[in-house]
Amino acid sequence: MDSKVKRLGEIFGNDQFTNPDIKPILVLTSPKPPTEKLGAMKWSEWMTKDGSPRWMQMTMPKRRQLIRCDKNGKSDAKGQHAKIIERN
């Protein structure tokens, strides 16, 4: 995210916008809210709201995964069978 923040700062400016007709807003989308590890406190003021990133939850479709299992369908890393399961 650091490289994206740097690039956005180069495009739109870090504090003063070069074009008053443009008001950039940064919104993150992800399945889970961003954590403090993202370092948003170091971002330009326009990239956050009250020091926190703007965020919208993104719904993810269920994924399918092929796993090995035994003949009864129980997960087994050395199993000779396979099945497809759905994961979030």
Protein backbone atom coordinates (compact mmCIF):
# COMPACT_ATOMS: atom_id res chain seq x y z
CA MET A 1 0.00 0.00 0.00
CA ASP A 2 2.96 2.31 0.61
CA SER A 3 3.81 2.43 -3.11
CA LYS A 4 0.17 3.17 -4.03
CA VAL A 5 -0.05 5.99 -1.48
CA LYS A 6 3.18 7.45 -2.84
CA ARG A 7 1.91 7.27 -6.43
CA LEU A 8 -1.46 8.83 -5.54
CA GLY A 9 0.41 11.63 -3.76
CA GLU A 10 2.43 12.23 -6.92
CA ILE A 11 -0.74 12.36 -9.03
CA PHE A 12 -3.05 14.39 -6.79
CA GLY A 13 -0.64 16.10 -4.39
CA ASN A 14 -0.14 15.39 -0.74
CA ASP A 15 -1.80 18.43 0.77
CA GLN A 16 -2.71 20.99 -1.85
CA PHE A 17 -4.49 19.87 -5.00
CA THR A 18 -3.28 21.40 -8.23
CA ASN A 19 -6.81 21.34 -9.72
CA PRO A 20 -9.57 22.70 -7.44
CA ASP A 21 -12.24 21.02 -9.61
CA ILE A 22 -10.97 17.56 -8.64
CA LYS A 23 -11.53 16.16 -5.16
CA PRO A 24 -9.87 12.74 -4.92
CA ILE A 25 -11.18 10.26 -2.38
CA LEU A 26 -9.40 7.02 -1.53
CA VAL A 27 -11.66 4.09 -0.60
CA LEU A 28 -10.28 0.63 0.16
CA THR A 29 -12.35 -2.46 -0.54
CA SER A 30 -11.59 -5.85 0.98
CA PRO A 31 -13.40 -8.72 2.70
CA LYS A 32 -12.12 -7.60 6.13
CA PRO A 33 -11.48 -4.10 7.51
CA PRO A 34 -7.92 -2.77 7.24
CA THR A 35 -5.71 -2.99 10.31
CA GLU A 36 -3.42 -0.40 11.83
CA LYS A 37 -0.49 -2.23 10.20
CA LEU A 38 -1.50 -0.47 6.99
CA GLY A 39 0.09 2.72 8.34
CA ALA A 40 -2.73 5.08 7.33
CA MET A 41 -1.66 7.56 10.01
CA LYS A 42 1.29 8.46 7.73
CA TRP A 43 -0.94 9.08 4.68
CA SER A 44 -1.96 12.49 3.42
CA GLU A 45 -5.05 13.91 5.10
CA TRP A 46 -7.22 13.59 1.96
CA MET A 47 -6.54 9.83 1.80
CA THR A 48 -8.21 9.18 5.17
CA LYS A 49 -11.19 10.22 7.23
CA ASP A 50 -10.19 11.23 10.75
CA GLY A 51 -6.87 9.38 10.33
CA SER A 52 -8.44 6.07 9.29
CA PRO A 53 -8.80 4.72 5.77
CA ARG A 54 -12.23 4.83 4.18
CA TRP A 55 -13.33 1.25 3.70
CA MET A 56 -16.16 -0.69 2.05
CA GLN A 57 -16.65 -4.38 2.59
CA MET A 58 -16.22 -6.48 -0.53
CA THR A 59 -18.19 -9.71 -0.66
CA MET A 60 -16.23 -12.61 -2.04
CA PRO A 61 -17.75 -15.59 -3.79
CA LYS A 62 -17.20 -18.95 -2.20
CA ARG A 63 -14.14 -20.69 -3.57
CA ARG A 64 -13.82 -24.32 -4.43
CA GLN A 65 -10.81 -26.31 -3.35
CA LEU A 66 -9.70 -29.80 -4.24
CA ILE A 67 -8.45 -31.74 -1.21
CA ARG A 68 -7.10 -35.23 -0.68
CA CYS A 69 -9.19 -37.52 1.44
CA ASP A 70 -9.67 -41.15 2.40
CA LYS A 71 -12.35 -43.36 0.84
CA ASN A 72 -14.89 -42.04 3.38
CA GLY A 73 -14.29 -38.40 2.40
CA LYS A 74 -12.32 -37.49 5.54
CA SER A 75 -9.44 -35.08 4.87
CA ASP A 76 -6.17 -37.02 4.61
CA ALA A 77 -2.91 -35.57 3.24
CA LYS A 78 -1.86 -39.05 2.08
CA GLY A 79 -5.32 -40.10 0.94
CA GLN A 80 -5.86 -41.84 -2.38
CA HIS A 81 -9.15 -40.03 -3.07
CA ALA A 82 -10.11 -36.43 -3.63
CA LYS A 83 -13.16 -34.22 -3.13
CA ILE A 84 -14.10 -30.64 -3.82
CA ILE A 85 -15.11 -28.43 -0.89
CA GLU A 86 -16.41 -24.85 -0.80
CA ARG A 87 -14.54 -22.27 1.27
CA ASN A 88 -15.22 -18.66 2.16
